[in-house]
Amino acid sequence: MSKNLGQLLSQAKKIQEKLQKMQEEIGNRTVEAQSGGGMVSCVVNGKQEVVSIKISDEIWEEKDKELLEDLIIAAINEGLNKSKEMLQEEMAKITGIAGMQLPFGL
């Protein structure tokens, strides 16, 4: 019985090491999202941080503050969703469990 427990602990340790390595690697990867047909775009990294936001000159001509605010929110939310999907895909590769929920509500 203790032999099986030892094997289980060894497997758990290997998975933990793979997860830590994946977190380090994915933190440097980015995804891009757009809203308003490309009027606003943002880049989000694997750490769920917004790295950049770009706003087209076209939106400034509109002088519509509410529209701009909505487009920024939409782009950021889409970027965060894409980043979460990227993390879940990488987690599935390691664990073999598709659709696994990310720890700590990520």
PDB file of N, CA and C in Angstrom:
ATOM      1  N   MET A   1       0.824  -1.200   0.000  1.00  0.00           N
ATOM      2  CA  MET A   1       0.000   0.000   0.000  1.00  0.00           C
ATOM      3  C   MET A   1       0.861   1.254   0.000  1.00  0.00           C
ATOM      4  N   SER A   2       1.937   1.256   0.782  1.00  0.00           N
ATOM      5  CA  SER A   2       2.784   2.447   0.842  1.00  0.00           C
ATOM      6  C   SER A   2       3.548   2.652  -0.466  1.00  0.00           C
ATOM      7  N   LYS A   3       3.768   1.568  -1.219  1.00  0.00           N
ATOM      8  CA  LYS A   3       4.436   1.696  -2.521  1.00  0.00           C
ATOM      9  C   LYS A   3       3.556   2.502  -3.483  1.00  0.00           C
ATOM     10  N   ASN A   4       2.255   2.205  -3.471  1.00  0.00           N
ATOM     11  CA  ASN A   4       1.315   2.949  -4.315  1.00  0.00           C
ATOM     12  C   ASN A   4       1.236   4.410  -3.892  1.00  0.00           C
ATOM     13  N   LEU A   5       1.266   4.634  -2.594  1.00  0.00           N
ATOM     14  CA  LEU A   5       1.217   6.005  -2.080  1.00  0.00           C
ATOM     15  C   LEU A   5       2.467   6.763  -2.515  1.00  0.00           C
ATOM     16  N   GLY A   6       3.604   6.103  -2.455  1.00  0.00           N
ATOM     17  CA  GLY A   6       4.859   6.723  -2.894  1.00  0.00           C
ATOM     18  C   GLY A   6       4.821   7.077  -4.363  1.00  0.00           C
ATOM     19  N   GLN A   7       4.264   6.191  -5.183  1.00  0.00           N
ATOM     20  CA  GLN A   7       4.138   6.459  -6.614  1.00  0.00           C
ATOM     21  C   GLN A   7       3.192   7.635  -6.858  1.00  0.00           C
ATOM     22  N   LEU A   8       2.110   7.650  -6.114  1.00  0.00           N
ATOM     23  CA  LEU A   8       1.136   8.740  -6.253  1.00  0.00           C
ATOM     24  C   LEU A   8       1.762  10.076  -5.883  1.00  0.00           C
ATOM     25  N   LEU A   9       2.506  10.099  -4.795  1.00  0.00           N
ATOM     26  CA  LEU A   9       3.177  11.328  -4.375  1.00  0.00           C
ATOM     27  C   LEU A   9       4.224  11.761  -5.397  1.00  0.00           C
ATOM     28  N   SER A  10       4.920  10.805  -5.964  1.00  0.00           N
ATOM     29  CA  SER A  10       5.924  11.107  -6.991  1.00  0.00           C
ATOM     30  C   SER A  10       5.263  11.725  -8.224  1.00  0.00           C
ATOM     31  N   GLN A  11       4.126  11.142  -8.635  1.00  0.00           N
ATOM     32  CA  GLN A  11       3.391  11.693  -9.782  1.00  0.00           C
ATOM     33  C   GLN A  11       2.881  13.094  -9.485  1.00  0.00           C
ATOM     34  N   ALA A  12       2.375  13.299  -8.279  1.00  0.00           N
ATOM     35  CA  ALA A  12       1.862  14.612  -7.889  1.00  0.00           C
ATOM     36  C   ALA A  12       2.990  15.645  -7.917  1.00  0.00           C
ATOM     37  N   LYS A  13       4.165  15.260  -7.462  1.00  0.00           N
ATOM     38  CA  LYS A  13       5.305  16.175  -7.462  1.00  0.00           C
ATOM     39  C   LYS A  13       5.710  16.531  -8.884  1.00  0.00           C
ATOM     40  N   LYS A  14       5.694  15.557  -9.788  1.00  0.00           N
ATOM     41  CA  LYS A  14       6.039  15.811 -11.192  1.00  0.00           C
ATOM     42  C   LYS A  14       5.035  16.768 -11.829  1.00  0.00           C
ATOM     43  N   ILE A  15       3.758  16.550 -11.546  1.00  0.00           N
ATOM     44  CA  ILE A  15       2.727  17.441 -12.086  1.00  0.00           C
ATOM     45  C   ILE A  15       2.900  18.846 -11.531  1.00  0.00           C
ATOM     46  N   GLN A  16       3.200  18.951 -10.247  1.00  0.00           N
ATOM     47  CA  GLN A  16       3.412  20.258  -9.633  1.00  0.00           C
ATOM     48  C   GLN A  16       4.588  20.977 -10.287  1.00  0.00           C
ATOM     49  N   GLU A  17       5.670  20.263 -10.549  1.00  0.00           N
ATOM     50  CA  GLU A  17       6.834  20.865 -11.210  1.00  0.00           C
ATOM     51  C   GLU A  17       6.484  21.330 -12.617  1.00  0.00           C
ATOM     52  N   LYS A  18       5.710  20.509 -13.337  1.00  0.00           N
ATOM     53  CA  LYS A  18       5.289  20.892 -14.689  1.00  0.00           C
ATOM     54  C   LYS A  18       4.398  22.132 -14.646  1.00  0.00           C
ATOM     55  N   LEU A  19       3.506  22.196 -13.668  1.00  0.00           N
ATOM     56  CA  LEU A  19       2.612  23.354 -13.537  1.00  0.00           C
ATOM     57  C   LEU A  19       3.399  24.625 -13.235  1.00  0.00           C
ATOM     58  N   GLN A  20       4.399  24.529 -12.369  1.00  0.00           N
ATOM     59  CA  GLN A  20       5.217  25.698 -12.055  1.00  0.00           C
ATOM     60  C   GLN A  20       5.979  26.169 -13.287  1.00  0.00           C
ATOM     61  N   LYS A  21       6.529  25.230 -14.030  1.00  0.00           N
ATOM     62  CA  LYS A  21       7.260  25.585 -15.255  1.00  0.00           C
ATOM     63  C   LYS A  21       6.314  26.233 -16.272  1.00  0.00           C
ATOM     64  N   MET A  22       5.103  25.666 -16.400  1.00  0.00           N
ATOM     65  CA  MET A  22       4.118  26.210 -17.325  1.00  0.00           C
ATOM     66  C   MET A  22       3.724  27.622 -16.927  1.00  0.00           C
ATOM     67  N   GLN A  23       3.548  27.875 -15.631  1.00  0.00           N
ATOM     68  CA  GLN A  23       3.176  29.213 -15.175  1.00  0.00           C
ATOM     69  C   GLN A  23       4.254  30.229 -15.525  1.00  0.00           C
ATOM     70  N   GLU A  24       5.508  29.851 -15.368  1.00  0.00           N
ATOM     71  CA  GLU A  24       6.605  30.758 -15.709  1.00  0.00           C
ATOM     72  C   GLU A  24       6.623  31.055 -17.204  1.00  0.00           C
ATOM     73  N   GLU A  25       6.460  29.998 -18.012  1.00  0.00           N
ATOM     74  CA  GLU A  25       6.494  30.163 -19.463  1.00  0.00           C
ATOM     75  C   GLU A  25       5.300  30.953 -19.974  1.00  0.00           C
ATOM     76  N   ILE A  26       4.139  30.625 -19.471  1.00  0.00           N
ATOM     77  CA  ILE A  26       2.917  31.260 -19.980  1.00  0.00           C
ATOM     78  C   ILE A  26       2.814  32.712 -19.541  1.00  0.00           C
ATOM     79  N   GLY A  27       3.481  33.070 -18.458  1.00  0.00           N
ATOM     80  CA  GLY A  27       3.492  34.454 -18.018  1.00  0.00           C
ATOM     81  C   GLY A  27       4.100  35.385 -19.051  1.00  0.00           C
ATOM     82  N   ASN A  28       4.962  34.844 -19.895  1.00  0.00           N
ATOM     83  CA  ASN A  28       5.607  35.634 -20.946  1.00  0.00           C
ATOM     84  C   ASN A  28       4.842  35.624 -22.261  1.00  0.00           C
ATOM     85  N   ARG A  29       3.854  34.746 -22.373  1.00  0.00           N
ATOM     86  CA  ARG A  29       3.059  34.691 -23.604  1.00  0.00           C
ATOM     87  C   ARG A  29       1.945  35.726 -23.535  1.00  0.00           C
ATOM     88  N   THR A  30       1.513  36.181 -24.705  1.00  0.00           N
ATOM     89  CA  THR A  30       0.460  37.187 -24.751  1.00  0.00           C
ATOM     90  C   THR A  30      -0.626  36.798 -25.751  1.00  0.00           C
ATOM     91  N   VAL A  31      -1.791  37.386 -25.568  1.00  0.00           N
ATOM     92  CA  VAL A  31      -2.900  37.278 -26.506  1.00  0.00           C
ATOM     93  C   VAL A  31      -3.376  38.694 -26.813  1.00  0.00           C
ATOM     94  N   GLU A  32      -3.955  38.861 -27.974  1.00  0.00           N
ATOM     95  CA  GLU A  32      -4.476  40.170 -28.362  1.00  0.00           C
ATOM     96  C   GLU A  32      -5.973  40.064 -28.591  1.00  0.00           C
ATOM     97  N   ALA A  33      -6.696  41.097 -28.186  1.00  0.00           N
ATOM     98  CA  ALA A  33      -8.141  41.153 -28.387  1.00  0.00           C
ATOM     99  C   ALA A  33      -8.506  42.526 -28.918  1.00  0.00           C
ATOM    100  N   GLN A  34      -9.607  42.564 -29.665  1.00  0.00           N
ATOM    101  CA  GLN A  34     -10.060  43.826 -30.259  1.00  0.00           C
ATOM    102  C   GLN A  34     -11.541  44.022 -29.998  1.00  0.00           C
ATOM    103  N   SER A  35     -11.954  45.271 -30.091  1.00  0.00           N
ATOM    104  CA  SER A  35     -13.379  45.592 -30.053  1.00  0.00           C
ATOM    105  C   SER A  35     -13.628  46.727 -31.029  1.00  0.00           C
ATOM    106  N   GLY A  36     -14.888  46.880 -31.395  1.00  0.00           N
ATOM    107  CA  GLY A  36     -15.242  47.952 -32.318  1.00  0.00           C
ATOM    108  C   GLY A  36     -14.592  47.798 -33.675  1.00  0.00           C
ATOM    109  N   GLY A  37     -14.460  46.553 -34.122  1.00  0.00           N
ATOM    110  CA  GLY A  37     -13.847  46.329 -35.435  1.00  0.00           C
ATOM    111  C   GLY A  37     -12.386  46.755 -35.477  1.00  0.00           C
ATOM    112  N   GLY A  38     -11.713  46.672 -34.368  1.00  0.00           N
ATOM    113  CA  GLY A  38     -10.300  47.035 -34.310  1.00  0.00           C
ATOM    114  C   GLY A  38     -10.041  48.459 -33.854  1.00  0.00           C
ATOM    115  N   MET A  39     -11.101  49.178 -33.493  1.00  0.00           N
ATOM    116  CA  MET A  39     -10.913  50.549 -33.013  1.00  0.00           C
ATOM    117  C   MET A  39     -10.108  50.569 -31.712  1.00  0.00           C
ATOM    118  N   VAL A  40     -10.310  49.535 -30.881  1.00  0.00           N
ATOM    119  CA  VAL A  40      -9.563  49.398 -29.635  1.00  0.00           C
ATOM    120  C   VAL A  40      -9.005  47.979 -29.599  1.00  0.00           C
ATOM    121  N   SER A  41      -7.730  47.869 -29.267  1.00  0.00           N
ATOM    122  CA  SER A  41      -7.132  46.547 -29.088  1.00  0.00           C
ATOM    123  C   SER A  41      -6.300  46.551 -27.820  1.00  0.00           C
ATOM    124  N   CYS A  42      -6.183  45.382 -27.233  1.00  0.00           N
ATOM    125  CA  CYS A  42      -5.356  45.269 -26.039  1.00  0.00           C
ATOM    126  C   CYS A  42      -4.580  43.964 -26.088  1.00  0.00           C
ATOM    127  N   VAL A  43      -3.469  43.949 -25.368  1.00  0.00           N
ATOM    128  CA  VAL A  43      -2.635  42.761 -25.243  1.00  0.00           C
ATOM    129  C   VAL A  43      -2.622  42.386 -23.765  1.00  0.00           C
ATOM    130  N   VAL A  44      -2.877  41.103 -23.491  1.00  0.00           N
ATOM    131  CA  VAL A  44      -2.912  40.585 -22.126  1.00  0.00           C
ATOM    132  C   VAL A  44      -1.928  39.425 -22.043  1.00  0.00           C
ATOM    133  N   ASN A  45      -1.163  39.366 -20.947  1.00  0.00           N
ATOM    134  CA  ASN A  45      -0.220  38.256 -20.802  1.00  0.00           C
ATOM    135  C   ASN A  45      -0.837  37.114 -20.001  1.00  0.00           C
ATOM    136  N   GLY A  46      -0.088  36.044 -19.867  1.00  0.00           N
ATOM    137  CA  GLY A  46      -0.563  34.865 -19.162  1.00  0.00           C
ATOM    138  C   GLY A  46      -0.715  35.052 -17.671  1.00  0.00           C
ATOM    139  N   LYS A  47      -0.268  36.181 -17.153  1.00  0.00           N
ATOM    140  CA  LYS A  47      -0.444  36.496 -15.737  1.00  0.00           C
ATOM    141  C   LYS A  47      -1.723  37.293 -15.506  1.00  0.00           C
ATOM    142  N   GLN A  48      -2.535  37.429 -16.559  1.00  0.00           N
ATOM    143  CA  GLN A  48      -3.788  38.179 -16.508  1.00  0.00           C
ATOM    144  C   GLN A  48      -3.539  39.667 -16.319  1.00  0.00           C
ATOM    145  N   GLU A  49      -2.435  40.170 -16.882  1.00  0.00           N
ATOM    146  CA  GLU A  49      -2.115  41.596 -16.817  1.00  0.00           C
ATOM    147  C   GLU A  49      -2.299  42.214 -18.198  1.00  0.00           C
ATOM    148  N   VAL A  50      -2.918  43.384 -18.239  1.00  0.00           N
ATOM    149  CA  VAL A  50      -3.043  44.119 -19.497  1.00  0.00           C
ATOM    150  C   VAL A  50      -1.682  44.755 -19.766  1.00  0.00           C
ATOM    151  N   VAL A  51      -1.086  44.389 -20.890  1.00  0.00           N
ATOM    152  CA  VAL A  51       0.251  44.853 -21.240  1.00  0.00           C
ATOM    153  C   VAL A  51       0.180  46.147 -22.042  1.00  0.00           C
ATOM    154  N   SER A  52      -0.807  46.229 -22.942  1.00  0.00           N
ATOM    155  CA  SER A  52      -0.944  47.452 -23.738  1.00  0.00           C
ATOM    156  C   SER A  52      -2.367  47.611 -24.238  1.00  0.00           C
ATOM    157  N   ILE A  53      -2.701  48.862 -24.531  1.00  0.00           N
ATOM    158  CA  ILE A  53      -3.987  49.213 -25.142  1.00  0.00           C
ATOM    159  C   ILE A  53      -3.686  50.168 -26.284  1.00  0.00           C
ATOM    160  N   LYS A  54      -4.314  49.912 -27.423  1.00  0.00           N
ATOM    161  CA  LYS A  54      -4.166  50.803 -28.572  1.00  0.00           C
ATOM    162  C   LYS A  54      -5.549  51.279 -28.988  1.00  0.00           C
ATOM    163  N   ILE A  55      -5.630  52.578 -29.236  1.00  0.00           N
ATOM    164  CA  ILE A  55      -6.894  53.188 -29.644  1.00  0.00           C
ATOM    165  C   ILE A  55      -6.662  53.856 -30.984  1.00  0.00           C
ATOM    166  N   SER A  56      -7.503  53.513 -31.965  1.00  0.00           N
ATOM    167  CA  SER A  56      -7.315  54.060 -33.313  1.00  0.00           C
ATOM    168  C   SER A  56      -7.665  55.544 -33.351  1.00  0.00           C
ATOM    169  N   ASP A  57      -7.071  56.230 -34.286  1.00  0.00           N
ATOM    170  CA  ASP A  57      -7.364  57.657 -34.462  1.00  0.00           C
ATOM    171  C   ASP A  57      -8.831  57.878 -34.804  1.00  0.00           C
ATOM    172  N   GLU A  58      -9.433  56.907 -35.452  1.00  0.00           N
ATOM    173  CA  GLU A  58     -10.822  57.006 -35.882  1.00  0.00           C
ATOM    174  C   GLU A  58     -11.769  57.252 -34.701  1.00  0.00           C
ATOM    175  N   ILE A  59     -11.513  56.597 -33.582  1.00  0.00           N
ATOM    176  CA  ILE A  59     -12.404  56.746 -32.429  1.00  0.00           C
ATOM    177  C   ILE A  59     -12.321  58.152 -31.837  1.00  0.00           C
ATOM    178  N   TRP A  60     -11.140  58.765 -31.930  1.00  0.00           N
ATOM    179  CA  TRP A  60     -11.005  60.136 -31.404  1.00  0.00           C
ATOM    180  C   TRP A  60     -11.848  61.116 -32.209  1.00  0.00           C
ATOM    181  N   GLU A  61     -11.993  60.848 -33.489  1.00  0.00           N
ATOM    182  CA  GLU A  61     -12.803  61.715 -34.343  1.00  0.00           C
ATOM    183  C   GLU A  61     -14.275  61.676 -33.948  1.00  0.00           C
ATOM    184  N   GLU A  62     -14.691  60.535 -33.413  1.00  0.00           N
ATOM    185  CA  GLU A  62     -16.089  60.382 -32.990  1.00  0.00           C
ATOM    186  C   GLU A  62     -16.411  61.260 -31.777  1.00  0.00           C
ATOM    187  N   LYS A  63     -15.417  61.511 -30.937  1.00  0.00           N
ATOM    188  CA  LYS A  63     -15.590  62.296 -29.710  1.00  0.00           C
ATOM    189  C   LYS A  63     -16.748  61.772 -28.860  1.00  0.00           C
ATOM    190  N   ASP A  64     -16.820  60.453 -28.785  1.00  0.00           N
ATOM    191  CA  ASP A  64     -17.877  59.792 -28.013  1.00  0.00           C
ATOM    192  C   ASP A  64     -17.223  59.056 -26.841  1.00  0.00           C
ATOM    193  N   LYS A  65     -17.199  59.734 -25.697  1.00  0.00           N
ATOM    194  CA  LYS A  65     -16.529  59.202 -24.520  1.00  0.00           C
ATOM    195  C   LYS A  65     -17.133  57.867 -24.075  1.00  0.00           C
ATOM    196  N   GLU A  66     -18.461  57.773 -24.057  1.00  0.00           N
ATOM    197  CA  GLU A  66     -19.123  56.545 -23.633  1.00  0.00           C
ATOM    198  C   GLU A  66     -18.765  55.382 -24.539  1.00  0.00           C
ATOM    199  N   LEU A  67     -18.749  55.621 -25.836  1.00  0.00           N
ATOM    200  CA  LEU A  67     -18.391  54.575 -26.791  1.00  0.00           C
ATOM    201  C   LEU A  67     -16.964  54.117 -26.547  1.00  0.00           C
ATOM    202  N   LEU A  68     -16.058  55.038 -26.360  1.00  0.00           N
ATOM    203  CA  LEU A  68     -14.662  54.699 -26.104  1.00  0.00           C
ATOM    204  C   LEU A  68     -14.531  53.863 -24.830  1.00  0.00           C
ATOM    205  N   GLU A  69     -15.195  54.278 -23.772  1.00  0.00           N
ATOM    206  CA  GLU A  69     -15.148  53.526 -22.518  1.00  0.00           C
ATOM    207  C   GLU A  69     -15.663  52.107 -22.716  1.00  0.00           C
ATOM    208  N   ASP A  70     -16.782  51.960 -23.429  1.00  0.00           N
ATOM    209  CA  ASP A  70     -17.358  50.636 -23.684  1.00  0.00           C
ATOM    210  C   ASP A  70     -16.411  49.767 -24.511  1.00  0.00           C
ATOM    211  N   LEU A  71     -15.780  50.350 -25.508  1.00  0.00           N
ATOM    212  CA  LEU A  71     -14.861  49.592 -26.357  1.00  0.00           C
ATOM    213  C   LEU A  71     -13.616  49.146 -25.581  1.00  0.00           C
ATOM    214  N   ILE A  72     -13.127  50.009 -24.698  1.00  0.00           N
ATOM    215  CA  ILE A  72     -11.963  49.642 -23.873  1.00  0.00           C
ATOM    216  C   ILE A  72     -12.326  48.472 -22.959  1.00  0.00           C
ATOM    217  N   ILE A  73     -13.459  48.565 -22.306  1.00  0.00           N
ATOM    218  CA  ILE A  73     -13.896  47.484 -21.407  1.00  0.00           C
ATOM    219  C   ILE A  73     -14.070  46.186 -22.189  1.00  0.00           C
ATOM    220  N   ALA A  74     -14.706  46.270 -23.345  1.00  0.00           N
ATOM    221  CA  ALA A  74     -14.936  45.066 -24.155  1.00  0.00           C
ATOM    222  C   ALA A  74     -13.614  44.427 -24.592  1.00  0.00           C
ATOM    223  N   ALA A  75     -12.654  45.240 -25.013  1.00  0.00           N
ATOM    224  CA  ALA A  75     -11.364  44.709 -25.455  1.00  0.00           C
ATOM    225  C   ALA A  75     -10.622  44.055 -24.294  1.00  0.00           C
ATOM    226  N   ILE A  76     -10.627  44.692 -23.148  1.00  0.00           N
ATOM    227  CA  ILE A  76      -9.933  44.138 -21.982  1.00  0.00           C
ATOM    228  C   ILE A  76     -10.591  42.828 -21.550  1.00  0.00           C
ATOM    229  N   ASN A  77     -11.898  42.807 -21.469  1.00  0.00           N
ATOM    230  CA  ASN A  77     -12.589  41.578 -21.068  1.00  0.00           C
ATOM    231  C   ASN A  77     -12.317  40.442 -22.049  1.00  0.00           C
ATOM    232  N   GLU A  78     -12.328  40.737 -23.330  1.00  0.00           N
ATOM    233  CA  GLU A  78     -12.036  39.718 -24.340  1.00  0.00           C
ATOM    234  C   GLU A  78     -10.593  39.231 -24.195  1.00  0.00           C
ATOM    235  N   GLY A  79      -9.679  40.148 -23.949  1.00  0.00           N
ATOM    236  CA  GLY A  79      -8.280  39.765 -23.758  1.00  0.00           C
ATOM    237  C   GLY A  79      -8.097  38.877 -22.536  1.00  0.00           C
ATOM    238  N   LEU A  80      -8.756  39.216 -21.449  1.00  0.00           N
ATOM    239  CA  LEU A  80      -8.675  38.393 -20.241  1.00  0.00           C
ATOM    240  C   LEU A  80      -9.263  37.008 -20.481  1.00  0.00           C
ATOM    241  N   ASN A  81     -10.383  36.945 -21.207  1.00  0.00           N
ATOM    242  CA  ASN A  81     -10.982  35.646 -21.520  1.00  0.00           C
ATOM    243  C   ASN A  81     -10.045  34.797 -22.371  1.00  0.00           C
ATOM    244  N   LYS A  82      -9.412  35.408 -23.367  1.00  0.00           N
ATOM    245  CA  LYS A  82      -8.473  34.674 -24.210  1.00  0.00           C
ATOM    246  C   LYS A  82      -7.278  34.184 -23.398  1.00  0.00           C
ATOM    247  N   SER A  83      -6.820  34.997 -22.471  1.00  0.00           N
ATOM    248  CA  SER A  83      -5.699  34.609 -21.624  1.00  0.00           C
ATOM    249  C   SER A  83      -6.089  33.419 -20.742  1.00  0.00           C
ATOM    250  N   LYS A  84      -7.292  33.448 -20.190  1.00  0.00           N
ATOM    251  CA  LYS A  84      -7.770  32.330 -19.367  1.00  0.00           C
ATOM    252  C   LYS A  84      -7.878  31.049 -20.194  1.00  0.00           C
ATOM    253  N   GLU A  85      -8.377  31.175 -21.423  1.00  0.00           N
ATOM    254  CA  GLU A  85      -8.477  30.008 -22.301  1.00  0.00           C
ATOM    255  C   GLU A  85      -7.090  29.435 -22.594  1.00  0.00           C
ATOM    256  N   MET A  86      -6.117  30.314 -22.827  1.00  0.00           N
ATOM    257  CA  MET A  86      -4.749  29.875 -23.076  1.00  0.00           C
ATOM    258  C   MET A  86      -4.232  29.090 -21.872  1.00  0.00           C
ATOM    259  N   LEU A  87      -4.470  29.595 -20.667  1.00  0.00           N
ATOM    260  CA  LEU A  87      -4.041  28.913 -19.448  1.00  0.00           C
ATOM    261  C   LEU A  87      -4.720  27.553 -19.307  1.00  0.00           C
ATOM    262  N   GLN A  88      -6.006  27.500 -19.573  1.00  0.00           N
ATOM    263  CA  GLN A  88      -6.737  26.242 -19.449  1.00  0.00           C
ATOM    264  C   GLN A  88      -6.241  25.212 -20.449  1.00  0.00           C
ATOM    265  N   GLU A  89      -5.922  25.645 -21.668  1.00  0.00           N
ATOM    266  CA  GLU A  89      -5.388  24.724 -22.665  1.00  0.00           C
ATOM    267  C   GLU A  89      -4.051  24.149 -22.209  1.00  0.00           C
ATOM    268  N   GLU A  90      -3.205  24.988 -21.648  1.00  0.00           N
ATOM    269  CA  GLU A  90      -1.897  24.524 -21.173  1.00  0.00           C
ATOM    270  C   GLU A  90      -2.057  23.593 -19.970  1.00  0.00           C
ATOM    271  N   MET A  91      -2.997  23.899 -19.092  1.00  0.00           N
ATOM    272  CA  MET A  91      -3.250  23.035 -17.936  1.00  0.00           C
ATOM    273  C   MET A  91      -3.737  21.659 -18.403  1.00  0.00           C
ATOM    274  N   ALA A  92      -4.588  21.648 -19.425  1.00  0.00           N
ATOM    275  CA  ALA A  92      -5.112  20.383 -19.942  1.00  0.00           C
ATOM    276  C   ALA A  92      -3.989  19.527 -20.532  1.00  0.00           C
ATOM    277  N   LYS A  93      -3.004  20.174 -21.158  1.00  0.00           N
ATOM    278  CA  LYS A  93      -1.875  19.426 -21.709  1.00  0.00           C
ATOM    279  C   LYS A  93      -1.101  18.716 -20.596  1.00  0.00           C
ATOM    280  N   ILE A  94      -0.982  19.370 -19.467  1.00  0.00           N
ATOM    281  CA  ILE A  94      -0.207  18.809 -18.353  1.00  0.00           C
ATOM    282  C   ILE A  94      -1.011  17.766 -17.588  1.00  0.00           C
ATOM    283  N   THR A  95      -2.250  18.082 -17.283  1.00  0.00           N
ATOM    284  CA  THR A  95      -3.050  17.202 -16.432  1.00  0.00           C
ATOM    285  C   THR A  95      -3.824  16.155 -17.220  1.00  0.00           C
ATOM    286  N   GLY A  96      -4.041  16.428 -18.515  1.00  0.00           N
ATOM    287  CA  GLY A  96      -4.846  15.515 -19.309  1.00  0.00           C
ATOM    288  C   GLY A  96      -6.335  15.692 -19.070  1.00  0.00           C
ATOM    289  N   ILE A  97      -6.696  16.750 -18.363  1.00  0.00           N
ATOM    290  CA  ILE A  97      -8.111  16.997 -18.040  1.00  0.00           C
ATOM    291  C   ILE A  97      -8.554  18.264 -18.756  1.00  0.00           C
ATOM    292  N   ALA A  98      -9.333  18.117 -19.806  1.00  0.00           N
ATOM    293  CA  ALA A  98      -9.836  19.269 -20.539  1.00  0.00           C
ATOM    294  C   ALA A  98     -10.905  19.977 -19.721  1.00  0.00           C
ATOM    295  N   GLY A  99     -10.923  21.290 -19.788  1.00  0.00           N
ATOM    296  CA  GLY A  99     -11.927  22.071 -19.088  1.00  0.00           C
ATOM    297  C   GLY A  99     -11.690  22.191 -17.596  1.00  0.00           C
ATOM    298  N   MET A 100     -10.479  21.855 -17.160  1.00  0.00           N
ATOM    299  CA  MET A 100     -10.155  21.942 -15.739  1.00  0.00           C
ATOM    300  C   MET A 100     -10.191  23.392 -15.285  1.00  0.00           C
ATOM    301  N   GLN A 101     -10.839  23.643 -14.174  1.00  0.00           N
ATOM    302  CA  GLN A 101     -10.911  24.998 -13.654  1.00  0.00           C
ATOM    303  C   GLN A 101      -9.557  25.436 -13.129  1.00  0.00           C
ATOM    304  N   LEU A 102      -9.219  26.683 -13.365  1.00  0.00           N
ATOM    305  CA  LEU A 102      -7.949  27.212 -12.907  1.00  0.00           C
ATOM    306  C   LEU A 102      -7.988  27.461 -11.408  1.00  0.00           C
ATOM    307  N   PRO A 103      -6.846  27.280 -10.755  1.00  0.00           N
ATOM    308  CA  PRO A 103      -6.821  27.516  -9.313  1.00  0.00           C
ATOM    309  C   PRO A 103      -6.968  28.994  -8.971  1.00  0.00           C
ATOM    310  N   PHE A 104      -7.480  29.256  -7.798  1.00  0.00           N
ATOM    311  CA  PHE A 104      -7.585  30.617  -7.262  1.00  0.00           C
ATOM    312  C   PHE A 104      -8.464  31.521  -8.113  1.00  0.00           C
ATOM    313  N   GLY A 105      -9.426  30.941  -8.826  1.00  0.00           N
ATOM    314  CA  GLY A 105     -10.382  31.730  -9.587  1.00  0.00           C
ATOM    315  C   GLY A 105      -9.802  32.438 -10.786  1.00  0.00           C
ATOM    316  N   LEU A 106      -8.672  31.979 -11.311  1.00  0.00           N
ATOM    317  CA  LEU A 106      -8.076  32.620 -12.497  1.00  0.00           C
ATOM    318  C   LEU A 106      -8.910  32.355 -13.719  1.00  0.00           C
TER     319      LEU A 106
END
